[in-house]
Amino acid sequence: MFTRARWFALGSATTLGATLFVVNRARTMKEQLTPQGVARASASLAADTIEAVGIRLQRSALREVPNETGPYAG
């Protein structure tokens, strides 16, 4: 009989809980936002990007090596 009311109450409580979690998480992240933290995150991102580019270059170099053991090798 009160199925819709029960689901509405459950959805409202879930939404309220999720909202509180997100707001608290955002507040915590805002407090941790310092110049040193931003610099550390930027340096980490730059290092990861350089590493990914290096791996990609290594893989592309390996693909371009001719295969000397093929049926048409001299």
Protein backbone atom coordinates (compact mmCIF):
# COMPACT_ATOMS: atom_id res chain seq x y z
CA MET A 1 0.00 0.00 0.00
CA PHE A 2 2.75 2.44 0.91
CA THR A 3 5.24 1.08 -1.61
CA ARG A 4 5.67 4.37 -3.47
CA ALA A 5 6.04 6.31 -0.22
CA ARG A 6 8.65 3.83 1.01
CA TRP A 7 10.66 4.09 -2.24
CA PHE A 8 10.38 7.88 -2.15
CA ALA A 9 11.68 7.98 1.41
CA LEU A 10 14.52 5.56 0.57
CA GLY A 11 15.48 7.62 -2.50
CA SER A 12 15.35 10.86 -0.55
CA ALA A 13 17.54 9.46 2.22
CA THR A 14 20.03 8.08 -0.31
CA THR A 15 20.19 11.39 -2.16
CA LEU A 16 20.69 13.30 1.07
CA GLY A 17 23.46 10.94 2.18
CA ALA A 18 25.23 11.15 -1.19
CA THR A 19 24.98 14.94 -1.17
CA LEU A 20 26.50 15.15 2.32
CA PHE A 21 29.32 12.82 1.26
CA VAL A 22 30.13 14.87 -1.85
CA VAL A 23 30.02 18.18 0.03
CA ASN A 24 32.32 16.89 2.77
CA ARG A 25 34.70 15.41 0.22
CA ALA A 26 34.81 18.70 -1.71
CA ARG A 27 35.47 20.62 1.50
CA THR A 28 38.34 18.28 2.38
CA MET A 29 39.85 18.63 -1.09
CA LYS A 30 39.55 22.42 -0.89
CA GLU A 31 41.45 22.46 2.40
CA GLN A 32 44.23 20.34 0.88
CA LEU A 33 44.61 22.68 -2.10
CA THR A 34 47.93 24.35 -1.33
CA PRO A 35 50.62 25.66 -3.69
CA GLN A 36 52.88 22.77 -2.72
CA GLY A 37 50.12 20.26 -3.43
CA VAL A 38 49.41 21.80 -6.82
CA ALA A 39 53.11 21.77 -7.69
CA ARG A 40 53.43 18.13 -6.60
CA ALA A 41 50.41 17.10 -8.67
CA SER A 42 51.71 19.01 -11.71
CA ALA A 43 55.14 17.40 -11.43
CA SER A 44 53.57 13.97 -11.10
CA LEU A 45 51.37 14.55 -14.14
CA ALA A 46 54.36 15.76 -16.18
CA ALA A 47 56.43 12.71 -15.17
CA ASP A 48 53.58 10.34 -16.07
CA THR A 49 53.14 12.07 -19.43
CA ILE A 50 56.85 11.84 -20.24
CA GLU A 51 56.87 8.17 -19.27
CA ALA A 52 53.84 7.43 -21.47
CA VAL A 53 55.43 9.22 -24.43
CA GLY A 54 58.65 7.25 -23.93
CA ILE A 55 56.81 3.94 -23.86
CA ARG A 56 54.85 4.90 -26.96
CA LEU A 57 58.06 5.81 -28.81
CA GLN A 58 59.66 2.51 -27.82
CA ARG A 59 56.67 0.55 -29.07
CA SER A 60 56.55 2.44 -32.36
CA ALA A 61 60.28 1.82 -32.86
CA LEU A 62 59.78 -1.90 -32.29
CA ARG A 63 57.00 -2.01 -34.88
CA GLU A 64 59.24 -0.48 -37.56
CA VAL A 65 62.01 -3.10 -37.29
CA PRO A 66 61.97 -5.21 -40.47
CA ASN A 67 61.54 -8.93 -40.03
CA GLU A 68 64.55 -10.68 -41.59
CA THR A 69 63.16 -14.19 -41.16
CA GLY A 70 60.32 -13.87 -43.65
CA PRO A 71 59.88 -16.07 -46.74
CA TYR A 72 61.40 -13.39 -49.00
CA ALA A 73 64.53 -12.78 -46.90
CA GLY A 74 67.65 -13.00 -49.01
